[in-house]
């Protein structure tokens, strides 16, 4: 992945379906927001490079897959 836009395109369907997750632009890159539960409790990661965003979203997707399969 070379650009933020390519990373966002790659993870588009995952980001659309993951209602607890959002990625928003900021002046330093992108911020990955993850709602960790009720009440609203956000965890944020500043991604200054496309690779950092790709890594964060890859980890989120792997965690979702493990949870859906019941793997701890």
C-alpha atoms as a PDB file:
ATOM      1  CA  UNK A   1       0.000   0.000   0.000  1.00  0.00           C
ATOM      2  CA  UNK A   2       1.417   3.340  -0.995  1.00  0.00           C
ATOM      3  CA  UNK A   3      -1.230   5.885  -0.059  1.00  0.00           C
ATOM      4  CA  UNK A   4      -3.869   6.340   2.608  1.00  0.00           C
ATOM      5  CA  UNK A   5      -6.519   6.187  -0.103  1.00  0.00           C
ATOM      6  CA  UNK A   6      -5.291   2.765  -1.235  1.00  0.00           C
ATOM      7  CA  UNK A   7      -5.417   1.481   2.335  1.00  0.00           C
ATOM      8  CA  UNK A   8      -8.950   2.826   2.806  1.00  0.00           C
ATOM      9  CA  UNK A   9     -10.033   1.261  -0.489  1.00  0.00           C
ATOM     10  CA  UNK A  10      -8.510  -2.091   0.517  1.00  0.00           C
ATOM     11  CA  UNK A  11     -10.432  -2.122   3.828  1.00  0.00           C
ATOM     12  CA  UNK A  12     -13.594  -0.417   2.530  1.00  0.00           C
ATOM     13  CA  UNK A  13     -16.047  -3.281   3.084  1.00  0.00           C
ATOM     14  CA  UNK A  14     -14.596  -4.056   6.524  1.00  0.00           C
ATOM     15  CA  UNK A  15     -14.903  -0.412   7.590  1.00  0.00           C
ATOM     16  CA  UNK A  16     -18.481  -0.271   6.293  1.00  0.00           C
ATOM     17  CA  UNK A  17     -19.538  -3.338   8.303  1.00  0.00           C
ATOM     18  CA  UNK A  18     -17.590  -2.617  11.523  1.00  0.00           C
ATOM     19  CA  UNK A  19     -19.946  -0.211  13.307  1.00  0.00           C
ATOM     20  CA  UNK A  20     -17.550   0.039  16.273  1.00  0.00           C
ATOM     21  CA  UNK A  21     -14.661   1.269  14.104  1.00  0.00           C
ATOM     22  CA  UNK A  22     -14.011   4.502  12.227  1.00  0.00           C
ATOM     23  CA  UNK A  23     -11.091   6.102  10.451  1.00  0.00           C
ATOM     24  CA  UNK A  24     -10.986   9.888  10.201  1.00  0.00           C
ATOM     25  CA  UNK A  25      -8.477  12.221   8.570  1.00  0.00           C
ATOM     26  CA  UNK A  26      -6.513  14.725  10.615  1.00  0.00           C
ATOM     27  CA  UNK A  27      -3.631  17.084   9.936  1.00  0.00           C
ATOM     28  CA  UNK A  28      -1.059  14.445  10.907  1.00  0.00           C
ATOM     29  CA  UNK A  29      -2.499  11.537   8.896  1.00  0.00           C
ATOM     30  CA  UNK A  30      -5.509   9.472   9.969  1.00  0.00           C
ATOM     31  CA  UNK A  31      -6.925   8.494  13.349  1.00  0.00           C
ATOM     32  CA  UNK A  32      -8.315   5.016  13.838  1.00  0.00           C
ATOM     33  CA  UNK A  33     -11.138   5.116  16.424  1.00  0.00           C
ATOM     34  CA  UNK A  34     -12.347   1.936  18.090  1.00  0.00           C
ATOM     35  CA  UNK A  35     -15.355   1.938  20.435  1.00  0.00           C
ATOM     36  CA  UNK A  36     -14.503  -0.553  23.167  1.00  0.00           C
ATOM     37  CA  UNK A  37     -17.975  -0.836  24.641  1.00  0.00           C
ATOM     38  CA  UNK A  38     -20.891   0.666  26.423  1.00  0.00           C
ATOM     39  CA  UNK A  39     -20.838   3.391  27.590  1.00  0.00           C
ATOM     40  CA  UNK A  40     -18.917   4.900  24.730  1.00  0.00           C
ATOM     41  CA  UNK A  41     -15.225   4.259  25.384  1.00  0.00           C
ATOM     42  CA  UNK A  42     -12.989   5.088  22.425  1.00  0.00           C
ATOM     43  CA  UNK A  43      -9.453   3.899  21.829  1.00  0.00           C
ATOM     44  CA  UNK A  44      -7.616   6.026  19.263  1.00  0.00           C
ATOM     45  CA  UNK A  45      -4.463   5.385  17.275  1.00  0.00           C
ATOM     46  CA  UNK A  46      -2.770   8.133  15.264  1.00  0.00           C
ATOM     47  CA  UNK A  47      -1.538   6.681  11.978  1.00  0.00           C
ATOM     48  CA  UNK A  48       1.025   9.011  10.422  1.00  0.00           C
ATOM     49  CA  UNK A  49       1.825   6.739   7.494  1.00  0.00           C
ATOM     50  CA  UNK A  50      -0.281   4.497   5.271  1.00  0.00           C
ATOM     51  CA  UNK A  51       1.662   1.490   6.602  1.00  0.00           C
ATOM     52  CA  UNK A  52       0.681   2.335  10.197  1.00  0.00           C
ATOM     53  CA  UNK A  53      -2.989   2.545   9.164  1.00  0.00           C
ATOM     54  CA  UNK A  54      -2.722  -0.714   7.211  1.00  0.00           C
ATOM     55  CA  UNK A  55      -1.196  -2.473  10.227  1.00  0.00           C
ATOM     56  CA  UNK A  56      -3.843  -1.147  12.635  1.00  0.00           C
ATOM     57  CA  UNK A  57      -6.716  -2.185  10.365  1.00  0.00           C
ATOM     58  CA  UNK A  58      -5.148  -5.589   9.686  1.00  0.00           C
ATOM     59  CA  UNK A  59      -4.965  -6.204  13.435  1.00  0.00           C
ATOM     60  CA  UNK A  60      -8.587  -5.092  13.862  1.00  0.00           C
ATOM     61  CA  UNK A  61      -9.757  -7.412  11.082  1.00  0.00           C
ATOM     62  CA  UNK A  62      -7.797 -10.363  12.499  1.00  0.00           C
ATOM     63  CA  UNK A  63      -9.326  -9.734  15.935  1.00  0.00           C
ATOM     64  CA  UNK A  64     -12.842  -9.610  14.450  1.00  0.00           C
ATOM     65  CA  UNK A  65     -12.256 -12.904  12.638  1.00  0.00           C
ATOM     66  CA  UNK A  66     -10.950 -14.553  15.811  1.00  0.00           C
ATOM     67  CA  UNK A  67     -13.931 -13.311  17.846  1.00  0.00           C
ATOM     68  CA  UNK A  68     -16.405 -14.516  15.211  1.00  0.00           C
ATOM     69  CA  UNK A  69     -14.750 -17.959  15.225  1.00  0.00           C
ATOM     70  CA  UNK A  70     -14.620 -18.075  19.024  1.00  0.00           C
ATOM     71  CA  UNK A  71     -10.808 -18.161  19.135  1.00  0.00           C
ATOM     72  CA  UNK A  72      -9.172 -16.545  22.171  1.00  0.00           C
END
